[in-house]
Amino acid sequence: MAPAPYVFRGGSWVKILAVKRILLPFLLACASLLAAQTRKPPRPAAPSASKLISIRATGSTRYTPAQIAAATGLRLGQVVTDDDFKEVSRHLGETGAFNNVAYTFQFNPEGIRLDLQVTDSEPFVPVRFENFVWLSDKELYEKLSAREPLFQGQLPVSGNLADQVSEDLQGLAIEHNLHGRVDYLRAGPQDGPMEAFEFSITGQPIVVRSIDFSGAGPAELPLLEVAARRLLRQDYLHSRLILQADKNFLPVFLEHGYLKARVGEPKPKVVEETPEETSVNVTFAITPGLQYKAGEVQLSGYTNIFPVEKLRGLIHLQPGQTANAIQVNQDVEALKKLYGTRGYMGVQIHPAPETNDADATVKYVFEFKEGSIYKMGDLEVRGLDSKASERIGADWKLLPGQTYNSDYPGQFLASIAGTYPADQWKITLHETPEDQDKVVDVSLRFDPIR
């Protein structure tokens, strides 16, 4: 090992190593002190909970930011954490109103700012109230919107928003001292898409005591009253009354030339409430409009399958007479039946009215789309034993591949009336045109009358 160097200081030799041992700790301490003086202080960790100072929502075209903020259930000023935001995101997603819900938040000295990013879902369908006769639809919409900010008269077909609205309606029922139970149905055709949510209250009978028609003329009022009798003492159901208005009330006006008549929705009014039932009076507002007389009748699109005189002979409109829209529809059915005797089962006939309000007349243009000829397809016999079914098949003379004749089934049923009399058998005829193959399958069902 090399000898340690020395330095002469103060009249004596001192080893340099000794000097290093003394100065090194001192220098390290000075460096640490200098670094501590120049280093920035560490940033304090974000708090786990803080006061909510704002909610901002973006991404929706159906709802306003204020509606979405209200739907979170959070209140400005309350202390919130990340767990609260997770719960809000879950709640909004489960309503079905949104396909996606995301959130971010920021801390500042005043509190937390929450940002929600949503994507609207589809589809939505309307809401119908079947028998909430104590409140108008407008009042129901207002009260439900106040309780459920995402309710706007329509609901998503998925999610639990409909259940929440049902619970809100149950609360309104309790407020009105009603003891029934609120429920809903998903309304729509059997094989088609959903059309509406229908909410109703069960357990408390609500019956129709009387039906009035405001705006109806003296000539139509007695006919309307007769048509309304079948609804008296029946359960009040909004959809049933709407159906009857279209089926039985509106035709009274269409038959008498009021081609633009309108029948308003039923307006119920509670007139008596007992523990047994609630009685209501129902009013329909009628807007008859002008009464039209028939003018010119034109035919368009037909060919030479039938003489034009034969076609016109099935149309009862006469210039100068009161236009009868119901008779026009019956005439169209007669024309279709005529075409069916030649196999044109897909014929389309559209009576297009052209009204002239200046002189209260209407011109009808019957537009024909004759289509293709259909052939006889399969014959199915149901309700009889095998031997009887075979006899029916042997007697049926319209063979597969022959041009179909829509008159033949009726003629055939008349021919077997002696064997299967109407007082002993109910025979149901069903014709099924197959548009792709242009054939008509026929089904005959025999049911004995007990």
Protein backbone atom coordinates (compact mmCIF):
# COMPACT_ATOMS: atom_id res chain seq x y z
CA MET A 1 0.00 0.00 0.00
CA ALA A 2 1.38 3.42 -0.88
CA PRO A 3 2.11 5.63 2.07
CA ALA A 4 -0.47 8.22 2.84
CA PRO A 5 0.51 11.67 1.68
CA TYR A 6 1.26 14.34 4.25
CA VAL A 7 0.99 18.09 4.23
CA PHE A 8 2.96 20.39 6.49
CA ARG A 9 0.57 22.67 8.47
CA GLY A 10 1.15 24.67 11.67
CA GLY A 11 4.70 23.39 12.24
CA SER A 12 3.83 19.70 11.87
CA TRP A 13 3.02 17.07 9.25
CA VAL A 14 -0.61 15.96 9.01
CA LYS A 15 -1.97 13.01 7.04
CA ILE A 16 -4.39 14.12 4.25
CA LEU A 17 -6.59 11.06 4.96
CA ALA A 18 -7.38 12.49 8.35
CA VAL A 19 -8.45 15.71 6.71
CA LYS A 20 -10.86 13.82 4.36
CA ARG A 21 -12.45 12.00 7.29
CA ILE A 22 -13.20 15.27 8.93
CA LEU A 23 -14.42 17.22 5.87
CA LEU A 24 -16.51 14.52 4.10
CA PRO A 25 -19.34 14.34 6.65
CA PHE A 26 -19.35 18.12 6.84
CA LEU A 27 -19.60 18.50 3.05
CA LEU A 28 -22.36 15.91 2.80
CA ALA A 29 -24.36 17.71 5.46
CA CYS A 30 -23.97 21.02 3.63
CA ALA A 31 -25.10 19.44 0.32
CA SER A 32 -28.17 17.94 1.97
CA LEU A 33 -29.07 21.28 3.53
CA LEU A 34 -28.68 23.08 0.20
CA ALA A 35 -30.84 20.49 -1.63
CA ALA A 36 -33.55 20.77 1.03
CA GLN A 37 -33.61 24.54 0.60
CA THR A 38 -33.98 24.37 -3.22
CA ARG A 39 -36.41 21.37 -3.52
CA LYS A 40 -40.15 22.23 -4.15
CA PRO A 41 -42.55 21.18 -1.38
CA PRO A 42 -44.58 18.01 -2.23
CA ARG A 43 -48.21 18.54 -3.57
CA PRO A 44 -50.83 17.48 -1.05
CA ALA A 45 -52.89 14.40 -2.07
CA ALA A 46 -56.38 15.00 -3.44
CA PRO A 47 -59.05 14.56 -0.77
CA SER A 48 -61.19 11.40 -0.97
CA ALA A 49 -64.42 13.40 -0.41
CA SER A 50 -65.37 16.97 -1.11
CA LYS A 51 -68.31 19.29 -1.73
CA LEU A 52 -70.03 18.99 -5.15
CA ILE A 53 -70.03 22.40 -6.84
CA SER A 54 -71.19 21.60 -10.41
CA ILE A 55 -72.65 18.90 -12.67
CA ARG A 56 -72.16 19.14 -16.43
CA ALA A 57 -73.77 16.67 -18.88
CA THR A 58 -72.98 16.34 -22.59
CA GLY A 59 -73.81 13.99 -25.48
CA SER A 60 -77.62 13.83 -25.35
CA THR A 61 -79.98 15.24 -27.96
CA ARG A 62 -83.11 14.01 -26.14
CA TYR A 63 -82.47 15.48 -22.69
CA THR A 64 -81.16 18.82 -21.51
CA PRO A 65 -78.10 18.95 -19.26
CA ALA A 66 -80.38 20.12 -16.43
CA GLN A 67 -82.66 17.07 -16.82
CA ILE A 68 -79.72 14.67 -16.72
CA ALA A 69 -78.22 16.48 -13.72
CA ALA A 70 -81.57 16.22 -11.90
CA ALA A 71 -81.78 12.51 -12.76
CA THR A 72 -78.49 11.84 -10.94
CA GLY A 73 -80.14 12.53 -7.60
CA LEU A 74 -77.08 14.51 -6.49
CA ARG A 75 -77.40 17.97 -4.92
CA LEU A 76 -74.95 20.81 -5.21
CA GLY A 77 -73.25 21.37 -1.89
CA GLN A 78 -73.40 17.77 -0.70
CA VAL A 79 -70.19 15.91 0.11
CA VAL A 80 -69.49 13.28 -2.55
CA THR A 81 -66.91 10.63 -3.33
CA ASP A 82 -65.96 8.56 -6.35
CA ASP A 83 -68.33 5.83 -5.11
CA ASP A 84 -71.23 8.28 -5.48
CA PHE A 85 -70.27 8.90 -9.10
CA LYS A 86 -70.04 5.18 -9.79
CA GLU A 87 -73.55 4.76 -8.39
CA VAL A 88 -74.85 7.62 -10.55
CA SER A 89 -73.31 6.07 -13.67
CA ARG A 90 -74.89 2.71 -12.84
CA HIS A 91 -78.30 4.27 -12.13
CA LEU A 92 -78.40 6.25 -15.38
CA GLY A 93 -77.31 3.23 -17.40
CA GLU A 94 -79.97 0.97 -15.89
CA THR A 95 -82.79 3.33 -16.85
CA GLY A 96 -82.34 2.30 -20.50
CA ALA A 97 -82.33 5.94 -21.61
CA PHE A 98 -78.61 5.81 -22.48
CA ASN A 99 -76.40 3.33 -24.30
CA ASN A 100 -73.30 4.60 -22.55
CA VAL A 101 -72.58 6.66 -19.43
CA ALA A 102 -69.07 7.85 -18.51
CA TYR A 103 -67.87 10.39 -15.96
CA THR A 104 -64.84 12.40 -14.95
CA PHE A 105 -64.34 14.77 -12.02
CA GLN A 106 -61.94 17.49 -10.99
CA PHE A 107 -60.89 18.78 -7.58
CA ASN A 108 -60.23 22.44 -6.89
CA PRO A 109 -60.13 24.48 -3.70
CA GLU A 110 -63.89 25.10 -3.83
CA GLY A 111 -64.90 21.45 -4.33
CA ILE A 112 -65.57 18.82 -7.03
CA ARG A 113 -66.81 19.38 -10.56
CA LEU A 114 -68.55 16.38 -12.14
CA ASP A 115 -68.67 15.84 -15.93
CA LEU A 116 -71.05 13.23 -17.40
CA GLN A 117 -70.77 11.99 -20.98
CA VAL A 118 -73.82 10.05 -22.25
CA THR A 119 -75.09 8.48 -25.50
CA ASP A 120 -78.84 8.33 -26.13
CA SER A 121 -80.45 4.93 -26.66
CA GLU A 122 -83.17 3.87 -29.12
CA PRO A 123 -86.01 3.15 -29.50
CA PHE A 124 -88.45 5.10 -27.31
CA VAL A 125 -92.24 4.60 -27.48
CA PRO A 126 -95.17 6.70 -26.19
CA VAL A 127 -96.88 6.28 -22.84
CA ARG A 128 -100.65 5.83 -22.55
CA PHE A 129 -102.69 6.20 -19.38
CA GLU A 130 -105.64 3.83 -19.52
CA ASN A 131 -107.79 4.76 -16.52
CA PHE A 132 -106.19 7.46 -14.36
CA VAL A 133 -109.43 9.46 -14.48
CA TRP A 134 -108.58 11.65 -11.48
CA LEU A 135 -105.96 13.62 -13.40
CA SER A 136 -105.73 14.80 -17.00
CA ASP A 137 -102.90 13.55 -19.18
CA LYS A 138 -101.30 16.98 -18.96
CA GLU A 139 -101.37 16.90 -15.16
CA LEU A 140 -99.97 13.38 -15.14
CA TYR A 141 -97.12 14.40 -17.44
CA GLU A 142 -96.26 17.37 -15.23
CA LYS A 143 -96.34 15.41 -11.97
CA LEU A 144 -94.36 12.50 -13.38
CA SER A 145 -91.74 14.80 -14.94
CA ALA A 146 -91.28 16.49 -11.56
CA ARG A 147 -90.67 13.10 -9.93
CA GLU A 148 -88.70 11.52 -12.77
CA PRO A 149 -86.68 14.04 -14.85
CA LEU A 150 -86.08 11.51 -17.66
CA PHE A 151 -89.83 11.10 -18.30
CA GLN A 152 -91.06 13.17 -21.26
CA GLY A 153 -94.16 11.24 -22.34
CA GLN A 154 -92.01 8.52 -23.92
CA LEU A 155 -89.97 5.69 -22.43
CA PRO A 156 -87.13 3.45 -23.66
CA VAL A 157 -88.21 -0.09 -24.52
CA SER A 158 -85.34 -1.47 -22.43
CA GLY A 159 -84.15 -0.65 -18.93
CA ASN A 160 -86.07 0.07 -15.74
CA LEU A 161 -87.36 3.59 -16.40
CA ALA A 162 -90.88 2.20 -16.97
CA ASP A 163 -90.73 0.55 -13.54
CA GLN A 164 -89.72 3.84 -11.98
CA VAL A 165 -92.65 5.61 -13.65
CA SER A 166 -94.96 2.85 -12.41
CA GLU A 167 -93.74 3.44 -8.85
CA ASP A 168 -94.29 7.19 -9.27
CA LEU A 169 -97.87 6.55 -10.45
CA GLN A 170 -98.41 4.30 -7.43
CA GLY A 171 -97.35 7.21 -5.27
CA LEU A 172 -99.86 9.50 -7.00
CA ALA A 173 -102.57 6.87 -6.47
CA ILE A 174 -101.82 6.77 -2.75
CA GLU A 175 -102.01 10.56 -2.59
CA HIS A 176 -105.57 10.31 -4.02
CA ASN A 177 -106.47 7.64 -1.43
CA LEU A 178 -106.78 4.96 -4.12
CA HIS A 179 -106.32 1.34 -3.10
CA GLY A 180 -105.62 -0.09 -6.53
CA ARG A 181 -102.32 -1.37 -7.88
CA VAL A 182 -100.52 0.34 -10.76
CA ASP A 183 -99.18 -1.83 -13.54
CA TYR A 184 -98.30 -1.54 -17.23
CA LEU A 185 -98.38 -3.53 -20.45
CA ARG A 186 -96.11 -3.42 -23.47
CA ALA A 187 -98.63 -2.82 -26.25
CA GLY A 188 -98.13 -3.77 -29.88
CA PRO A 189 -99.08 -6.32 -32.53
CA GLN A 190 -98.36 -9.96 -31.75
CA ASP A 191 -95.60 -10.30 -34.33
CA GLY A 192 -94.69 -6.64 -34.64
CA PRO A 193 -92.64 -4.07 -32.74
CA MET A 194 -93.69 -2.61 -29.43
CA GLU A 195 -95.89 0.48 -29.88
CA ALA A 196 -96.51 1.91 -26.40
CA PHE A 197 -96.44 1.45 -22.65
CA GLU A 198 -100.02 1.29 -21.31
CA PHE A 199 -100.30 2.13 -17.59
CA SER A 200 -103.45 1.26 -15.64
CA ILE A 201 -104.70 0.87 -12.10
CA THR A 202 -106.46 -2.33 -11.09
CA GLY A 203 -108.41 -3.33 -7.99
CA GLN A 204 -110.79 -0.35 -8.06
CA PRO A 205 -113.63 -0.54 -10.63
CA ILE A 206 -113.94 2.57 -12.81
CA VAL A 207 -117.14 2.51 -14.88
CA VAL A 208 -118.65 4.77 -17.55
CA ARG A 209 -121.90 6.37 -16.41
CA SER A 210 -122.62 8.59 -19.42
CA ILE A 211 -121.11 9.72 -22.73
CA ASP A 212 -121.61 13.22 -24.16
CA PHE A 213 -120.67 14.68 -27.54
CA SER A 214 -119.84 18.38 -27.67
CA GLY A 215 -120.00 20.00 -31.11
CA ALA A 216 -122.22 17.35 -32.74
CA GLY A 217 -125.16 18.53 -34.87
CA PRO A 218 -128.82 17.59 -34.21
CA ALA A 219 -128.86 15.15 -37.13
CA GLU A 220 -125.85 13.17 -35.92
CA LEU A 221 -126.37 13.36 -32.14
CA PRO A 222 -129.08 10.65 -31.92
CA LEU A 223 -126.93 8.28 -34.02
CA LEU A 224 -123.94 8.90 -31.75
CA GLU A 225 -126.01 8.24 -28.64
CA VAL A 226 -127.18 4.91 -30.06
CA ALA A 227 -123.59 3.93 -30.88
CA ALA A 228 -122.48 4.89 -27.34
CA ARG A 229 -125.01 2.74 -25.48
CA ARG A 230 -122.87 -0.37 -25.64
CA LEU A 231 -120.16 1.42 -23.64
CA LEU A 232 -122.33 2.44 -20.68
CA ARG A 233 -121.62 0.63 -17.40
CA GLN A 234 -118.44 -0.77 -18.94
CA ASP A 235 -114.98 -0.37 -17.44
CA TYR A 236 -113.35 2.90 -18.44
CA LEU A 237 -110.36 2.16 -20.67
CA HIS A 238 -108.90 4.94 -22.78
CA SER A 239 -107.77 2.60 -25.58
CA ARG A 240 -111.19 0.95 -25.82
CA LEU A 241 -112.95 4.30 -26.10
CA ILE A 242 -110.51 5.48 -28.79
CA LEU A 243 -111.19 2.29 -30.75
CA GLN A 244 -114.95 2.80 -30.48
CA ALA A 245 -114.60 6.43 -31.55
CA ASP A 246 -112.83 5.36 -34.75
CA LYS A 247 -115.09 2.39 -35.38
CA ASN A 248 -118.55 3.74 -34.46
CA PHE A 249 -118.51 7.52 -33.87
CA LEU A 250 -116.42 8.86 -36.76
CA PRO A 251 -118.33 6.84 -39.42
CA VAL A 252 -121.51 8.72 -38.45
CA PHE A 253 -119.94 11.88 -39.89
CA LEU A 254 -118.12 10.27 -42.82
CA GLU A 255 -121.42 8.78 -43.93
CA HIS A 256 -123.04 12.23 -44.01
CA GLY A 257 -120.41 14.06 -46.03
CA TYR A 258 -118.25 15.40 -43.18
CA LEU A 259 -115.07 14.05 -44.74
CA LYS A 260 -112.72 16.00 -42.49
CA ALA A 261 -114.55 15.38 -39.23
CA ARG A 262 -112.47 14.82 -36.10
CA VAL A 263 -113.46 13.06 -32.89
CA GLY A 264 -111.32 14.18 -29.96
CA GLU A 265 -109.93 11.91 -27.27
CA PRO A 266 -112.23 10.93 -24.40
CA LYS A 267 -112.22 13.32 -21.44
CA PRO A 268 -113.34 11.60 -18.22
CA LYS A 269 -114.78 13.40 -15.21
CA VAL A 270 -115.25 11.68 -11.87
CA VAL A 271 -118.88 12.16 -10.75
CA GLU A 272 -119.11 9.70 -7.87
CA GLU A 273 -116.73 7.68 -5.75
CA THR A 274 -117.75 4.93 -3.38
CA PRO A 275 -115.80 2.08 -1.75
CA GLU A 276 -117.26 -0.17 -4.46
CA GLU A 277 -116.53 1.82 -7.62
CA THR A 278 -115.70 5.12 -9.28
CA SER A 279 -118.21 6.51 -11.81
CA VAL A 280 -117.18 8.86 -14.63
CA ASN A 281 -118.87 10.90 -17.33
CA VAL A 282 -117.00 10.92 -20.63
CA THR A 283 -117.06 13.74 -23.19
CA PHE A 284 -115.94 13.55 -26.80
CA ALA A 285 -115.29 16.86 -28.56
CA ILE A 286 -116.51 16.74 -32.17
CA THR A 287 -115.19 18.95 -34.98
CA PRO A 288 -117.43 18.18 -37.99
CA GLY A 289 -115.93 20.58 -40.54
CA LEU A 290 -117.59 21.14 -43.94
CA GLN A 291 -120.26 18.85 -45.35
CA TYR A 292 -119.23 17.89 -48.89
CA LYS A 293 -121.28 16.90 -51.92
CA ALA A 294 -120.01 14.50 -54.56
CA GLY A 295 -118.58 15.93 -57.75
CA GLU A 296 -116.80 14.18 -60.60
CA VAL A 297 -115.75 10.51 -60.37
CA GLN A 298 -112.70 9.34 -62.36
CA LEU A 299 -111.04 5.94 -62.80
CA SER A 300 -107.29 5.64 -63.35
CA GLY A 301 -104.89 2.76 -63.99
CA TYR A 302 -107.39 0.08 -65.02
CA THR A 303 -106.98 -2.04 -68.18
CA ASN A 304 -109.45 -4.02 -70.26
CA ILE A 305 -109.94 -6.87 -67.76
CA PHE A 306 -113.48 -5.58 -67.18
CA PRO A 307 -115.54 -3.06 -69.16
CA VAL A 308 -115.33 0.37 -67.59
CA GLU A 309 -119.14 0.44 -67.38
CA LYS A 310 -119.04 -2.61 -65.10
CA LEU A 311 -116.52 -0.92 -62.83
CA ARG A 312 -118.52 2.31 -62.68
CA GLY A 313 -121.66 0.34 -61.95
CA LEU A 314 -120.17 -0.71 -58.60
CA ILE A 315 -119.52 2.91 -57.56
CA HIS A 316 -122.55 4.56 -55.92
CA LEU A 317 -121.32 8.17 -55.84
CA GLN A 318 -123.71 10.48 -57.67
CA PRO A 319 -122.80 14.11 -58.49
CA GLY A 320 -124.70 16.57 -56.31
CA GLN A 321 -125.51 14.06 -53.57
CA THR A 322 -123.96 14.09 -50.10
CA ALA A 323 -120.60 12.37 -50.28
CA ASN A 324 -120.70 9.10 -48.36
CA ALA A 325 -117.15 7.99 -47.51
CA ILE A 326 -118.38 4.79 -45.87
CA GLN A 327 -120.17 3.76 -49.07
CA VAL A 328 -117.04 4.57 -51.05
CA ASN A 329 -115.06 2.07 -48.95
CA GLN A 330 -117.75 -0.55 -49.48
CA ASP A 331 -117.61 0.10 -53.22
CA VAL A 332 -113.85 -0.47 -53.18
CA GLU A 333 -114.37 -3.86 -51.52
CA ALA A 334 -116.94 -4.77 -54.18
CA LEU A 335 -114.45 -3.84 -56.91
CA LYS A 336 -111.74 -5.97 -55.27
CA LYS A 337 -114.11 -8.91 -55.06
CA LEU A 338 -114.88 -8.52 -58.76
CA TYR A 339 -111.18 -8.62 -59.61
CA GLY A 340 -110.79 -11.65 -57.35
CA THR A 341 -113.13 -13.64 -59.60
CA ARG A 342 -110.42 -13.39 -62.28
CA GLY A 343 -107.57 -14.26 -59.93
CA TYR A 344 -106.36 -10.71 -59.22
CA MET A 345 -106.09 -11.23 -55.46
CA GLY A 346 -103.44 -8.55 -55.00
CA VAL A 347 -105.34 -5.72 -56.68
CA GLN A 348 -105.06 -2.34 -55.00
CA ILE A 349 -107.77 0.31 -55.43
CA HIS A 350 -107.33 3.66 -53.75
CA PRO A 351 -110.14 6.25 -53.80
CA ALA A 352 -108.30 9.57 -53.65
CA PRO A 353 -110.60 12.46 -52.63
CA GLU A 354 -109.86 15.96 -53.90
CA THR A 355 -111.89 18.43 -51.87
CA ASN A 356 -112.85 21.93 -52.93
CA ASP A 357 -113.71 23.94 -49.83
CA ALA A 358 -114.89 26.93 -51.85
CA ASP A 359 -118.02 25.10 -53.00
CA ALA A 360 -117.85 22.17 -50.52
CA THR A 361 -117.53 19.50 -53.22
CA VAL A 362 -115.28 16.47 -53.53
CA LYS A 363 -113.89 14.81 -56.64
CA TYR A 364 -112.91 11.13 -56.33
CA VAL A 365 -110.20 9.52 -58.43
CA PHE A 366 -110.22 5.72 -58.12
CA GLU A 367 -106.62 4.60 -58.71
CA PHE A 368 -106.22 0.95 -59.82
CA LYS A 369 -103.10 -1.23 -59.50
CA GLU A 370 -104.31 -4.54 -60.86
CA GLY A 371 -101.24 -6.68 -60.13
CA SER A 372 -100.78 -10.34 -61.09
CA ILE A 373 -103.07 -13.35 -61.48
CA TYR A 374 -103.05 -15.81 -58.55
CA LYS A 375 -103.53 -19.58 -58.85
CA MET A 376 -105.22 -22.06 -56.56
CA GLY A 377 -102.80 -23.44 -53.98
CA ASP A 378 -103.46 -25.98 -51.22
CA LEU A 379 -106.82 -26.89 -49.68
CA GLU A 380 -106.79 -27.75 -45.97
CA VAL A 381 -109.81 -29.30 -44.22
CA ARG A 382 -109.88 -29.30 -40.42
CA GLY A 383 -112.36 -30.59 -37.84
CA LEU A 384 -113.63 -33.64 -39.78
CA ASP A 385 -112.53 -37.26 -39.79
CA SER A 386 -110.32 -38.52 -42.60
CA LYS A 387 -113.12 -39.93 -44.73
CA ALA A 388 -115.24 -36.78 -44.52
CA SER A 389 -112.17 -34.66 -45.28
CA GLU A 390 -111.47 -36.79 -48.35
CA ARG A 391 -115.05 -36.28 -49.59
CA ILE A 392 -114.71 -32.51 -49.17
CA GLY A 393 -111.44 -32.61 -51.12
CA ALA A 394 -113.04 -34.67 -53.90
CA ASP A 395 -116.01 -32.28 -54.18
CA TRP A 396 -113.76 -29.20 -54.34
CA LYS A 397 -113.40 -28.52 -58.06
CA LEU A 398 -110.96 -25.60 -58.06
CA LEU A 399 -107.71 -27.52 -58.60
CA PRO A 400 -104.15 -26.44 -57.77
CA GLY A 401 -102.63 -24.38 -60.57
CA GLN A 402 -105.97 -23.15 -61.92
CA THR A 403 -106.74 -19.42 -61.93
CA TYR A 404 -108.21 -18.56 -58.54
CA ASN A 405 -111.85 -17.44 -58.32
CA SER A 406 -112.78 -15.63 -55.11
CA ASP A 407 -116.46 -16.48 -55.70
CA TYR A 408 -115.87 -20.24 -55.72
CA PRO A 409 -115.42 -20.83 -51.93
CA GLY A 410 -118.82 -19.26 -51.24
CA GLN A 411 -120.42 -21.29 -53.99
CA PHE A 412 -118.85 -24.46 -52.61
CA LEU A 413 -120.12 -23.81 -49.06
CA ALA A 414 -123.60 -23.28 -50.46
CA SER A 415 -123.35 -26.63 -52.28
CA ILE A 416 -122.62 -28.58 -49.06
CA ALA A 417 -125.15 -26.75 -46.88
CA GLY A 418 -127.45 -29.76 -46.95
CA THR A 419 -124.76 -32.02 -45.50
CA TYR A 420 -123.44 -29.46 -43.05
CA PRO A 421 -126.41 -27.20 -42.12
CA ALA A 422 -125.66 -23.87 -40.47
CA ASP A 423 -127.62 -24.73 -37.32
CA GLN A 424 -125.38 -27.75 -36.72
CA TRP A 425 -122.00 -26.69 -38.08
CA LYS A 426 -119.91 -23.56 -37.98
CA ILE A 427 -117.71 -23.48 -41.07
CA THR A 428 -114.82 -20.99 -41.10
CA LEU A 429 -113.27 -20.10 -44.46
CA HIS A 430 -109.79 -18.59 -44.58
CA GLU A 431 -108.00 -17.52 -47.78
CA THR A 432 -104.23 -16.91 -47.63
CA PRO A 433 -102.70 -15.26 -50.71
CA GLU A 434 -98.97 -16.03 -51.03
CA ASP A 435 -97.49 -13.03 -52.78
CA GLN A 436 -94.17 -14.67 -53.64
CA ASP A 437 -95.61 -17.72 -55.40
CA LYS A 438 -98.84 -15.97 -56.49
CA VAL A 439 -101.06 -18.73 -55.10
CA VAL A 440 -104.00 -18.77 -52.68
CA ASP A 441 -104.13 -21.42 -49.96
CA VAL A 442 -107.62 -22.15 -48.63
CA SER A 443 -108.52 -23.49 -45.19
CA LEU A 444 -111.97 -24.85 -44.22
CA ARG A 445 -112.57 -25.48 -40.53
CA PHE A 446 -115.65 -27.43 -39.41
CA ASP A 447 -116.81 -26.99 -35.79
CA PRO A 448 -119.98 -28.73 -34.58
CA ILE A 449 -122.46 -26.52 -32.74
CA ARG A 450 -123.26 -28.04 -29.36
